[in-house]
N, C-alpha and C. Protein backbone atom coordinates (compact mmCIF):
# COMPACT_ATOMS: atom_id res chain seq x y z
N MET A 1 0.84 -1.19 0.00
CA MET A 1 0.00 0.00 0.00
C MET A 1 0.87 1.24 0.00
N ILE A 2 0.52 2.23 -0.82
CA ILE A 2 1.22 3.51 -0.82
C ILE A 2 0.41 4.50 -0.02
N ALA A 3 0.99 5.02 1.05
CA ALA A 3 0.29 5.99 1.87
C ALA A 3 0.36 7.37 1.20
N GLN A 4 -0.79 7.98 1.01
CA GLN A 4 -0.86 9.28 0.35
C GLN A 4 -1.67 10.24 1.22
N PRO A 5 -1.07 11.33 1.68
CA PRO A 5 -1.74 12.19 2.66
C PRO A 5 -3.00 12.84 2.11
N TRP A 6 -3.13 12.97 0.77
CA TRP A 6 -4.30 13.62 0.19
C TRP A 6 -5.41 12.63 -0.10
N ARG A 7 -5.16 11.37 0.15
CA ARG A 7 -6.13 10.35 -0.19
C ARG A 7 -7.17 10.20 0.91
N GLY A 8 -8.44 10.17 0.54
CA GLY A 8 -9.51 10.13 1.53
C GLY A 8 -9.93 8.72 1.87
N ALA A 9 -11.09 8.62 2.52
CA ALA A 9 -11.60 7.32 2.94
C ALA A 9 -12.12 6.56 1.73
N ALA A 10 -12.24 5.23 1.89
CA ALA A 10 -12.73 4.41 0.80
C ALA A 10 -14.21 4.67 0.57
N SER A 11 -14.68 4.39 -0.64
CA SER A 11 -16.09 4.57 -0.94
C SER A 11 -16.92 3.68 -0.03
N GLU A 12 -18.15 4.12 0.24
CA GLU A 12 -19.01 3.38 1.14
C GLU A 12 -19.22 1.97 0.60
N GLY A 13 -19.02 0.97 1.45
CA GLY A 13 -19.21 -0.41 1.04
C GLY A 13 -17.96 -1.04 0.48
N GLU A 14 -16.92 -0.24 0.17
CA GLU A 14 -15.69 -0.79 -0.40
C GLU A 14 -14.87 -1.42 0.70
N GLU A 15 -14.40 -2.64 0.50
CA GLU A 15 -13.60 -3.32 1.49
C GLU A 15 -12.15 -2.94 1.34
N ARG A 16 -11.46 -2.73 2.51
CA ARG A 16 -10.05 -2.37 2.50
C ARG A 16 -9.30 -3.35 3.37
N ALA A 17 -8.16 -3.83 2.87
CA ALA A 17 -7.33 -4.74 3.66
C ALA A 17 -6.56 -3.97 4.72
N ASP A 18 -6.29 -2.68 4.47
CA ASP A 18 -5.53 -1.84 5.39
C ASP A 18 -6.33 -0.61 5.73
N PRO A 19 -6.11 -0.01 6.92
CA PRO A 19 -6.81 1.23 7.26
C PRO A 19 -6.35 2.36 6.38
N ALA A 20 -7.21 3.39 6.24
CA ALA A 20 -6.84 4.55 5.43
C ALA A 20 -5.65 5.24 6.06
N PRO A 21 -4.70 5.73 5.26
CA PRO A 21 -3.53 6.41 5.82
C PRO A 21 -3.93 7.70 6.49
N THR A 22 -3.20 8.10 7.52
CA THR A 22 -3.50 9.35 8.19
C THR A 22 -3.07 10.52 7.33
N GLN A 23 -3.56 11.70 7.69
CA GLN A 23 -3.33 12.87 6.86
C GLN A 23 -1.85 13.22 6.77
N ASP A 24 -1.07 12.92 7.83
CA ASP A 24 0.35 13.30 7.82
C ASP A 24 1.25 12.12 7.44
N ALA A 25 0.70 11.13 6.73
CA ALA A 25 1.47 9.91 6.45
C ALA A 25 2.76 10.19 5.69
N ALA A 26 2.78 11.20 4.81
CA ALA A 26 3.98 11.46 4.03
C ALA A 26 4.72 12.71 4.51
N THR A 27 4.36 13.22 5.68
CA THR A 27 5.07 14.37 6.21
C THR A 27 5.78 14.05 7.52
N SER A 28 5.56 12.86 8.07
CA SER A 28 6.28 12.45 9.26
C SER A 28 6.45 10.93 9.23
N LEU A 29 7.45 10.45 9.95
CA LEU A 29 7.78 9.03 9.96
C LEU A 29 7.15 8.36 11.17
N PRO A 30 6.74 7.10 11.04
CA PRO A 30 6.16 6.39 12.18
C PRO A 30 7.20 6.18 13.27
N ILE A 31 6.72 5.93 14.48
CA ILE A 31 7.59 5.78 15.64
C ILE A 31 7.82 4.30 15.91
N PRO A 32 9.07 3.85 15.94
CA PRO A 32 9.33 2.43 16.26
C PRO A 32 8.81 2.09 17.64
N SER A 33 8.14 0.95 17.77
CA SER A 33 7.67 0.49 19.07
C SER A 33 8.74 -0.38 19.71
N SER A 34 8.82 -0.31 21.02
CA SER A 34 9.86 -1.05 21.71
C SER A 34 9.29 -1.70 22.95
N ALA A 35 9.77 -2.89 23.25
CA ALA A 35 9.36 -3.57 24.47
C ALA A 35 9.82 -2.80 25.69
N GLU A 36 10.75 -1.85 25.50
CA GLU A 36 11.29 -1.10 26.62
C GLU A 36 10.43 0.11 26.96
N THR A 37 9.55 0.55 26.03
CA THR A 37 8.79 1.78 26.24
C THR A 37 7.31 1.56 25.95
N PRO A 38 6.61 0.70 26.75
CA PRO A 38 5.20 0.42 26.48
C PRO A 38 4.31 1.64 26.61
N ALA A 39 4.61 2.56 27.52
CA ALA A 39 3.77 3.74 27.69
C ALA A 39 3.79 4.61 26.45
N ALA A 40 4.97 4.77 25.86
CA ALA A 40 5.09 5.58 24.66
C ALA A 40 4.34 4.93 23.50
N ASP A 41 4.38 3.60 23.45
CA ASP A 41 3.67 2.89 22.38
C ASP A 41 2.18 3.11 22.47
N GLU A 42 1.62 3.04 23.71
CA GLU A 42 0.19 3.21 23.88
C GLU A 42 -0.23 4.61 23.49
N ALA A 43 0.57 5.62 23.85
CA ALA A 43 0.24 7.00 23.50
C ALA A 43 0.26 7.19 21.99
N ALA A 44 1.25 6.57 21.34
CA ALA A 44 1.35 6.70 19.89
C ALA A 44 0.17 6.02 19.22
N ASP A 45 -0.27 4.85 19.76
CA ASP A 45 -1.41 4.15 19.19
C ASP A 45 -2.68 4.97 19.32
N ASP A 46 -2.87 5.61 20.51
CA ASP A 46 -4.05 6.44 20.72
C ASP A 46 -4.08 7.61 19.78
N GLN A 47 -2.91 8.26 19.58
CA GLN A 47 -2.83 9.41 18.69
C GLN A 47 -3.12 9.00 17.25
N ALA A 48 -2.55 7.85 16.82
CA ALA A 48 -2.77 7.39 15.46
C ALA A 48 -4.24 7.06 15.23
N ALA A 49 -4.90 6.46 16.25
CA ALA A 49 -6.31 6.12 16.10
C ALA A 49 -7.15 7.37 15.95
N GLY A 50 -6.82 8.43 16.72
CA GLY A 50 -7.56 9.67 16.62
C GLY A 50 -7.39 10.33 15.28
N GLU A 51 -6.15 10.34 14.78
CA GLU A 51 -5.88 10.96 13.48
C GLU A 51 -6.58 10.21 12.37
N GLU A 52 -6.62 8.86 12.48
CA GLU A 52 -7.25 8.05 11.45
C GLU A 52 -8.75 8.33 11.41
N ALA A 53 -9.36 8.49 12.60
CA ALA A 53 -10.79 8.79 12.65
C ALA A 53 -11.08 10.14 12.03
N ASP A 54 -10.23 11.14 12.33
CA ASP A 54 -10.41 12.48 11.77
C ASP A 54 -10.31 12.45 10.26
N ALA A 55 -9.32 11.71 9.74
CA ALA A 55 -9.13 11.65 8.30
C ALA A 55 -10.32 11.00 7.62
N SER A 56 -10.90 9.97 8.25
CA SER A 56 -12.04 9.28 7.66
C SER A 56 -13.27 10.16 7.65
N ASP A 57 -13.41 11.04 8.68
CA ASP A 57 -14.57 11.88 8.79
C ASP A 57 -14.55 13.04 7.80
N THR A 58 -13.36 13.58 7.52
CA THR A 58 -13.29 14.84 6.79
C THR A 58 -12.83 14.69 5.34
N ALA A 59 -12.19 13.59 4.98
CA ALA A 59 -11.60 13.48 3.64
C ALA A 59 -12.65 13.10 2.60
N ALA A 60 -12.40 13.52 1.37
CA ALA A 60 -13.31 13.19 0.27
C ALA A 60 -12.99 11.81 -0.28
N THR A 61 -13.97 11.22 -0.97
CA THR A 61 -13.77 9.92 -1.59
C THR A 61 -12.78 10.05 -2.74
N PRO A 62 -11.76 9.19 -2.80
CA PRO A 62 -10.72 9.31 -3.83
C PRO A 62 -11.21 8.87 -5.20
N SER A 63 -10.54 9.33 -6.20
CA SER A 63 -10.79 8.89 -7.56
C SER A 63 -9.66 7.96 -7.97
N PRO A 64 -9.92 6.65 -8.16
CA PRO A 64 -8.83 5.70 -8.48
C PRO A 64 -8.01 6.13 -9.68
N SER A 65 -8.64 6.75 -10.66
CA SER A 65 -7.91 7.14 -11.87
C SER A 65 -6.95 8.28 -11.60
N ALA A 66 -7.17 9.00 -10.47
CA ALA A 66 -6.31 10.14 -10.15
C ALA A 66 -5.21 9.78 -9.16
N THR A 67 -5.19 8.52 -8.71
CA THR A 67 -4.18 8.11 -7.74
C THR A 67 -2.80 8.10 -8.38
N PRO A 68 -1.85 8.90 -7.86
CA PRO A 68 -0.52 8.98 -8.48
C PRO A 68 0.31 7.73 -8.22
N THR A 69 1.22 7.45 -9.10
CA THR A 69 2.16 6.36 -8.93
C THR A 69 3.57 6.90 -9.14
N ALA A 70 4.55 6.20 -8.63
CA ALA A 70 5.94 6.63 -8.80
C ALA A 70 6.84 5.43 -8.63
N GLU A 71 8.04 5.54 -9.16
CA GLU A 71 9.05 4.49 -9.02
C GLU A 71 9.63 4.53 -7.61
N ALA A 72 10.26 3.43 -7.22
CA ALA A 72 10.94 3.38 -5.92
C ALA A 72 12.09 4.37 -5.91
N CYS A 73 12.32 4.98 -4.75
CA CYS A 73 13.40 5.95 -4.61
C CYS A 73 14.76 5.27 -4.81
N LEU A 74 15.67 5.94 -5.47
CA LEU A 74 17.03 5.46 -5.62
C LEU A 74 17.88 6.04 -4.48
N PRO A 75 18.76 5.23 -3.91
CA PRO A 75 19.58 5.73 -2.80
C PRO A 75 20.29 7.04 -3.11
N ARG A 76 20.71 7.23 -4.36
CA ARG A 76 21.43 8.46 -4.69
C ARG A 76 20.55 9.70 -4.63
N ASP A 77 19.23 9.49 -4.65
CA ASP A 77 18.31 10.62 -4.65
C ASP A 77 17.73 10.93 -3.27
N VAL A 78 18.12 10.16 -2.27
CA VAL A 78 17.58 10.35 -0.92
C VAL A 78 18.71 10.66 0.05
N THR A 79 18.56 11.75 0.79
CA THR A 79 19.52 12.13 1.82
C THR A 79 18.94 11.80 3.18
N VAL A 80 19.66 10.98 3.95
CA VAL A 80 19.19 10.57 5.27
C VAL A 80 20.10 11.19 6.33
N GLU A 81 19.49 11.79 7.35
CA GLU A 81 20.25 12.47 8.41
C GLU A 81 19.88 11.92 9.78
N ALA A 82 20.88 11.75 10.63
CA ALA A 82 20.67 11.40 12.03
C ALA A 82 20.52 12.70 12.82
N VAL A 83 19.50 12.75 13.68
CA VAL A 83 19.20 14.00 14.41
C VAL A 83 19.03 13.70 15.89
N THR A 84 19.64 14.53 16.74
CA THR A 84 19.42 14.48 18.18
C THR A 84 18.83 15.80 18.63
N ASP A 85 18.13 15.79 19.76
CA ASP A 85 17.47 17.02 20.21
C ASP A 85 18.45 18.04 20.77
N GLN A 86 19.65 17.60 21.16
CA GLN A 86 20.69 18.51 21.63
C GLN A 86 22.03 17.78 21.55
N PRO A 87 23.14 18.52 21.56
CA PRO A 87 24.45 17.85 21.42
C PRO A 87 25.04 17.33 22.73
N THR A 88 24.57 17.87 23.87
CA THR A 88 25.16 17.53 25.16
C THR A 88 24.05 17.19 26.15
N TYR A 89 24.30 16.15 26.98
CA TYR A 89 23.28 15.70 27.92
C TYR A 89 23.87 15.62 29.33
N ALA A 90 23.21 16.30 30.26
CA ALA A 90 23.63 16.24 31.65
C ALA A 90 23.25 14.89 32.24
N SER A 91 23.78 14.58 33.40
CA SER A 91 23.44 13.34 34.08
C SER A 91 21.93 13.28 34.29
N GLY A 92 21.33 12.16 33.92
CA GLY A 92 19.89 12.00 34.08
C GLY A 92 19.09 12.38 32.85
N GLN A 93 19.69 13.03 31.86
CA GLN A 93 19.01 13.38 30.62
C GLN A 93 19.19 12.27 29.59
N ASN A 94 18.11 11.86 28.97
CA ASN A 94 18.18 10.82 27.94
C ASN A 94 18.10 11.43 26.55
N PRO A 95 19.00 11.07 25.66
CA PRO A 95 18.99 11.59 24.29
C PRO A 95 17.71 11.22 23.55
N GLN A 96 17.21 12.17 22.77
CA GLN A 96 16.03 11.97 21.92
C GLN A 96 16.52 11.88 20.47
N LEU A 97 16.22 10.77 19.81
CA LEU A 97 16.79 10.47 18.50
C LEU A 97 15.73 10.53 17.40
N SER A 98 16.10 11.09 16.25
CA SER A 98 15.16 11.21 15.14
C SER A 98 15.86 10.95 13.81
N ILE A 99 15.05 10.72 12.78
CA ILE A 99 15.53 10.58 11.41
C ILE A 99 14.92 11.68 10.56
N ARG A 100 15.73 12.28 9.71
CA ARG A 100 15.23 13.24 8.73
C ARG A 100 15.72 12.80 7.36
N LEU A 101 14.81 12.78 6.38
CA LEU A 101 15.22 12.38 5.03
C LEU A 101 14.62 13.32 4.01
N THR A 102 15.34 13.50 2.91
CA THR A 102 14.94 14.42 1.85
C THR A 102 15.04 13.73 0.50
N ASN A 103 13.99 13.87 -0.30
CA ASN A 103 14.04 13.43 -1.68
C ASN A 103 14.71 14.54 -2.48
N SER A 104 16.00 14.40 -2.71
CA SER A 104 16.77 15.43 -3.41
C SER A 104 16.76 15.22 -4.92
N GLY A 105 16.01 14.22 -5.38
CA GLY A 105 15.91 13.97 -6.81
C GLY A 105 14.93 14.91 -7.49
N SER A 106 14.80 14.78 -8.79
CA SER A 106 13.93 15.66 -9.57
C SER A 106 12.55 15.07 -9.80
N ALA A 107 12.31 13.85 -9.30
CA ALA A 107 11.02 13.19 -9.51
C ALA A 107 10.49 12.63 -8.20
N ASP A 108 9.16 12.52 -8.10
CA ASP A 108 8.55 11.87 -6.95
C ASP A 108 8.97 10.40 -6.93
N CYS A 109 9.03 9.82 -5.74
CA CYS A 109 9.39 8.41 -5.63
C CYS A 109 8.79 7.82 -4.37
N THR A 110 8.77 6.50 -4.28
CA THR A 110 8.20 5.83 -3.11
C THR A 110 9.31 5.18 -2.29
N LEU A 111 9.07 5.11 -0.98
CA LEU A 111 10.07 4.53 -0.06
C LEU A 111 9.36 3.93 1.14
N ASN A 112 9.84 2.78 1.58
CA ASN A 112 9.33 2.17 2.80
C ASN A 112 9.96 2.89 3.99
N VAL A 113 9.14 3.65 4.73
CA VAL A 113 9.64 4.37 5.90
C VAL A 113 9.05 3.80 7.18
N GLY A 114 8.47 2.59 7.09
CA GLY A 114 7.87 1.97 8.26
C GLY A 114 8.89 1.63 9.33
N THR A 115 8.39 1.24 10.49
CA THR A 115 9.30 0.92 11.60
C THR A 115 10.19 -0.28 11.29
N SER A 116 9.75 -1.15 10.37
CA SER A 116 10.58 -2.29 9.97
C SER A 116 11.79 -1.84 9.18
N ALA A 117 11.76 -0.62 8.63
CA ALA A 117 12.84 -0.13 7.78
C ALA A 117 13.72 0.88 8.50
N GLN A 118 13.45 1.14 9.78
CA GLN A 118 14.21 2.13 10.54
C GLN A 118 15.21 1.45 11.49
N VAL A 119 16.43 1.95 11.48
CA VAL A 119 17.45 1.45 12.41
C VAL A 119 18.20 2.64 13.01
N PHE A 120 18.22 2.72 14.33
CA PHE A 120 18.99 3.72 15.07
C PHE A 120 20.13 2.99 15.77
N THR A 121 21.35 3.47 15.62
CA THR A 121 22.51 2.81 16.22
C THR A 121 23.37 3.82 16.97
N ILE A 122 23.66 3.54 18.23
CA ILE A 122 24.54 4.38 19.04
C ILE A 122 25.88 3.66 19.19
N THR A 123 26.96 4.35 18.86
CA THR A 123 28.29 3.76 18.97
C THR A 123 29.22 4.65 19.78
N SER A 124 30.25 4.02 20.31
CA SER A 124 31.35 4.74 20.94
C SER A 124 32.62 4.15 20.34
N GLY A 125 33.23 4.89 19.44
CA GLY A 125 34.32 4.33 18.67
C GLY A 125 33.76 3.22 17.78
N SER A 126 34.36 2.05 17.85
CA SER A 126 33.87 0.91 17.07
C SER A 126 32.89 0.04 17.86
N ASP A 127 32.62 0.44 19.09
CA ASP A 127 31.76 -0.33 19.98
C ASP A 127 30.30 0.08 19.80
N ILE A 128 29.44 -0.87 19.42
CA ILE A 128 28.01 -0.59 19.30
C ILE A 128 27.37 -0.71 20.69
N TRP A 129 26.86 0.42 21.20
CA TRP A 129 26.27 0.44 22.53
C TRP A 129 24.79 0.10 22.52
N TRP A 130 24.08 0.59 21.52
CA TRP A 130 22.62 0.44 21.53
C TRP A 130 22.10 0.44 20.11
N GLN A 131 21.10 -0.41 19.83
CA GLN A 131 20.48 -0.45 18.51
C GLN A 131 18.97 -0.62 18.69
N SER A 132 18.22 0.18 17.97
CA SER A 132 16.77 0.20 18.15
C SER A 132 16.11 -1.13 17.79
N THR A 133 16.71 -1.89 16.90
CA THR A 133 16.10 -3.15 16.47
C THR A 133 16.30 -4.29 17.46
N ASP A 134 17.17 -4.11 18.46
CA ASP A 134 17.42 -5.19 19.42
C ASP A 134 16.15 -5.57 20.19
N CYS A 135 15.36 -4.57 20.57
CA CYS A 135 14.18 -4.83 21.39
C CYS A 135 12.90 -4.29 20.75
N GLN A 136 12.91 -4.14 19.45
CA GLN A 136 11.75 -3.61 18.75
C GLN A 136 10.61 -4.62 18.73
N SER A 137 9.39 -4.14 18.92
CA SER A 137 8.22 -5.02 18.89
C SER A 137 7.28 -4.60 17.76
N GLU A 138 6.72 -5.58 17.10
CA GLU A 138 5.72 -5.39 16.05
C GLU A 138 6.16 -4.39 14.97
N PRO A 139 7.30 -4.61 14.33
CA PRO A 139 7.70 -3.73 13.22
C PRO A 139 6.72 -3.84 12.07
N SER A 140 6.53 -2.75 11.35
CA SER A 140 5.57 -2.75 10.24
C SER A 140 6.11 -1.92 9.08
N ASP A 141 5.57 -2.18 7.89
CA ASP A 141 5.95 -1.44 6.69
C ASP A 141 5.01 -0.26 6.47
N MET A 142 5.52 0.81 5.89
CA MET A 142 4.70 1.93 5.44
C MET A 142 5.39 2.55 4.23
N VAL A 143 4.84 2.31 3.06
CA VAL A 143 5.40 2.86 1.83
C VAL A 143 4.73 4.20 1.56
N VAL A 144 5.52 5.26 1.46
CA VAL A 144 4.98 6.59 1.24
C VAL A 144 5.51 7.17 -0.07
N LEU A 145 4.77 8.13 -0.56
CA LEU A 145 5.18 8.87 -1.74
C LEU A 145 5.91 10.12 -1.30
N LEU A 146 7.18 10.25 -1.70
CA LEU A 146 7.97 11.44 -1.38
C LEU A 146 8.03 12.33 -2.61
N ALA A 147 7.51 13.53 -2.48
CA ALA A 147 7.55 14.46 -3.60
C ALA A 147 8.98 14.93 -3.80
N ALA A 148 9.31 15.28 -5.02
CA ALA A 148 10.65 15.81 -5.32
C ALA A 148 10.91 17.03 -4.44
N GLY A 149 12.03 17.00 -3.73
CA GLY A 149 12.40 18.11 -2.85
C GLY A 149 11.79 18.04 -1.46
N GLN A 150 10.93 17.07 -1.21
CA GLN A 150 10.24 16.99 0.08
C GLN A 150 11.15 16.44 1.17
N THR A 151 11.02 17.01 2.38
CA THR A 151 11.75 16.54 3.55
C THR A 151 10.74 16.04 4.58
N VAL A 152 10.99 14.86 5.14
CA VAL A 152 10.13 14.32 6.19
C VAL A 152 11.01 13.95 7.38
N ALA A 153 10.41 13.92 8.56
CA ALA A 153 11.16 13.62 9.78
C ALA A 153 10.30 12.78 10.70
N SER A 154 10.92 12.24 11.74
CA SER A 154 10.22 11.41 12.71
C SER A 154 9.05 12.16 13.32
N ALA A 155 7.91 11.47 13.47
CA ALA A 155 6.74 12.09 14.07
C ALA A 155 7.01 12.44 15.53
N ALA A 156 7.81 11.64 16.19
CA ALA A 156 8.23 11.88 17.57
C ALA A 156 9.57 11.19 17.75
N PRO A 157 10.42 11.73 18.62
CA PRO A 157 11.75 11.12 18.79
C PRO A 157 11.70 9.80 19.52
N LEU A 158 12.75 9.01 19.32
CA LEU A 158 12.95 7.75 20.02
C LEU A 158 13.96 8.01 21.14
N THR A 159 13.68 7.50 22.32
CA THR A 159 14.54 7.78 23.48
C THR A 159 15.58 6.68 23.68
N TRP A 160 16.83 7.09 23.85
CA TRP A 160 17.87 6.15 24.27
C TRP A 160 18.03 6.29 25.77
N ASP A 161 17.88 5.19 26.50
CA ASP A 161 17.94 5.23 27.96
C ASP A 161 19.36 5.16 28.52
N ARG A 162 20.34 5.34 27.65
CA ARG A 162 21.75 5.37 28.05
C ARG A 162 22.24 4.03 28.60
N THR A 163 21.65 2.93 28.10
CA THR A 163 22.11 1.60 28.49
C THR A 163 22.60 0.86 27.26
N ARG A 164 23.32 -0.24 27.49
CA ARG A 164 23.75 -1.11 26.40
C ARG A 164 22.62 -2.09 26.08
N SER A 165 22.30 -2.22 24.80
CA SER A 165 21.21 -3.11 24.42
C SER A 165 21.74 -4.38 23.78
N SER A 166 20.91 -5.42 23.84
CA SER A 166 21.13 -6.67 23.11
C SER A 166 19.81 -7.40 23.10
N VAL A 167 19.64 -8.31 22.15
CA VAL A 167 18.35 -9.00 22.03
C VAL A 167 18.03 -9.84 23.25
N GLY A 168 19.03 -10.19 24.04
CA GLY A 168 18.78 -11.03 25.20
C GLY A 168 18.56 -10.29 26.49
N THR A 169 18.61 -8.95 26.48
CA THR A 169 18.49 -8.19 27.72
C THR A 169 17.35 -7.18 27.70
N CYS A 170 16.37 -7.37 26.82
CA CYS A 170 15.30 -6.38 26.67
C CYS A 170 14.49 -6.20 27.95
N ALA A 171 14.33 -7.26 28.71
CA ALA A 171 13.52 -7.17 29.93
C ALA A 171 14.36 -6.91 31.18
N ASP A 172 15.67 -6.79 31.01
CA ASP A 172 16.54 -6.59 32.16
C ASP A 172 16.51 -5.14 32.63
N ALA A 173 16.40 -4.96 33.93
CA ALA A 173 16.38 -3.61 34.49
C ALA A 173 17.77 -3.12 34.87
N ASP A 174 18.75 -4.01 34.83
CA ASP A 174 20.10 -3.65 35.27
C ASP A 174 21.12 -3.75 34.15
N ARG A 175 20.75 -3.34 32.95
CA ARG A 175 21.70 -3.36 31.84
C ARG A 175 22.81 -2.35 32.09
N PRO A 176 24.00 -2.60 31.57
CA PRO A 176 25.12 -1.67 31.77
C PRO A 176 24.79 -0.28 31.25
N ARG A 177 25.11 0.73 32.03
CA ARG A 177 24.83 2.11 31.63
C ARG A 177 26.06 2.70 30.93
N ALA A 178 25.79 3.52 29.94
CA ALA A 178 26.87 4.16 29.19
C ALA A 178 27.61 5.15 30.09
N PRO A 179 28.94 5.10 30.11
CA PRO A 179 29.70 6.05 30.91
C PRO A 179 29.43 7.50 30.50
N GLY A 180 29.38 8.38 31.48
CA GLY A 180 29.21 9.80 31.21
C GLY A 180 30.54 10.54 31.34
N GLY A 181 30.53 11.65 32.07
CA GLY A 181 31.76 12.40 32.28
C GLY A 181 32.31 13.03 31.03
N GLY A 182 31.44 13.32 30.06
CA GLY A 182 31.91 13.93 28.81
C GLY A 182 32.26 12.92 27.74
N SER A 183 31.81 11.66 27.91
CA SER A 183 32.09 10.62 26.91
C SER A 183 31.35 10.94 25.61
N THR A 184 32.00 10.63 24.48
CA THR A 184 31.45 10.93 23.16
C THR A 184 30.82 9.69 22.54
N TYR A 185 29.63 9.88 22.01
CA TYR A 185 28.92 8.81 21.31
C TYR A 185 28.44 9.36 19.97
N HIS A 186 28.07 8.46 19.07
CA HIS A 186 27.60 8.88 17.75
C HIS A 186 26.32 8.12 17.41
N LEU A 187 25.39 8.83 16.79
CA LEU A 187 24.15 8.24 16.31
C LEU A 187 24.21 8.09 14.79
N ALA A 188 23.99 6.87 14.31
CA ALA A 188 23.85 6.60 12.88
C ALA A 188 22.44 6.07 12.66
N VAL A 189 21.83 6.38 11.53
CA VAL A 189 20.48 5.91 11.25
C VAL A 189 20.41 5.32 9.84
N GLU A 190 19.39 4.50 9.64
CA GLU A 190 19.13 3.92 8.33
C GLU A 190 17.63 3.83 8.16
N ILE A 191 17.15 4.08 6.95
CA ILE A 191 15.73 3.96 6.68
C ILE A 191 15.54 3.53 5.22
N GLY A 192 14.67 2.56 5.03
CA GLY A 192 14.42 2.06 3.69
C GLY A 192 15.65 1.51 3.02
N GLY A 193 16.60 1.00 3.81
CA GLY A 193 17.83 0.46 3.26
C GLY A 193 18.87 1.51 2.91
N ILE A 194 18.59 2.78 3.22
CA ILE A 194 19.51 3.88 2.92
C ILE A 194 20.08 4.41 4.23
N ALA A 195 21.40 4.38 4.36
CA ALA A 195 22.05 4.82 5.59
C ALA A 195 22.39 6.30 5.55
N SER A 196 22.45 6.91 6.72
CA SER A 196 22.88 8.30 6.81
C SER A 196 24.35 8.40 6.43
N THR A 197 24.69 9.48 5.73
CA THR A 197 26.08 9.65 5.30
C THR A 197 26.96 10.11 6.45
N ASP A 198 26.38 10.80 7.42
CA ASP A 198 27.12 11.28 8.58
C ASP A 198 26.43 10.84 9.86
N THR A 199 27.14 10.90 10.96
CA THR A 199 26.56 10.60 12.26
C THR A 199 26.33 11.89 13.02
N ALA A 200 25.47 11.81 14.02
CA ALA A 200 25.26 12.94 14.93
C ALA A 200 26.03 12.65 16.22
N GLN A 201 26.88 13.58 16.63
CA GLN A 201 27.67 13.38 17.84
C GLN A 201 26.91 13.86 19.06
N LEU A 202 27.03 13.09 20.15
CA LEU A 202 26.42 13.51 21.41
C LEU A 202 27.37 13.23 22.56
N LEU A 203 27.37 14.12 23.53
CA LEU A 203 28.23 14.00 24.71
C LEU A 203 27.37 13.70 25.93
N LEU A 204 27.78 12.72 26.71
CA LEU A 204 27.06 12.36 27.92
C LEU A 204 27.85 12.77 29.15
N TYR A 205 27.18 13.40 30.10
CA TYR A 205 27.78 13.77 31.38
C TYR A 205 27.04 13.10 32.51
């Protein structure tokens, strides 16, 4: 399914395998769900349900013949950036991580920006400290149409709790904590199989 923000609800009586996309489907990226942050997942689900209801109530019935199509985005035409909410974090502050991507090509294209296609990685030197996919729950696909020149970003940031992650420690409350005291870490991101060309540096105190 291609999510299109201008596309309205299905015609009355028409069966749909998937729910209608929300109005901001191609202007923000979905939030990865994690077994570590159930409260955030519930809030995101409630917000998505509300937006979906609003879109169904107010949008016009689409015209199938007017539905646009586009080729898949080429990596050379998409710029992916790793984004943090600030460069330095005091003791007790958790970094907020986001993805920003731009279709820098001259034509519209489609890209899977779903949570299944998003990877956030925190490193210190060559040491991988944390990866969003280690404890991700219920990843899903979302193919969106990116207009030429369009920039989209995470609908809400993903929080790094400053611990070391692994697939076997998702439920552990005593995972090793990342050293502070001015230690330097880097955030790298990937979406739709396209990796960020640069990392975002963050300092922990």
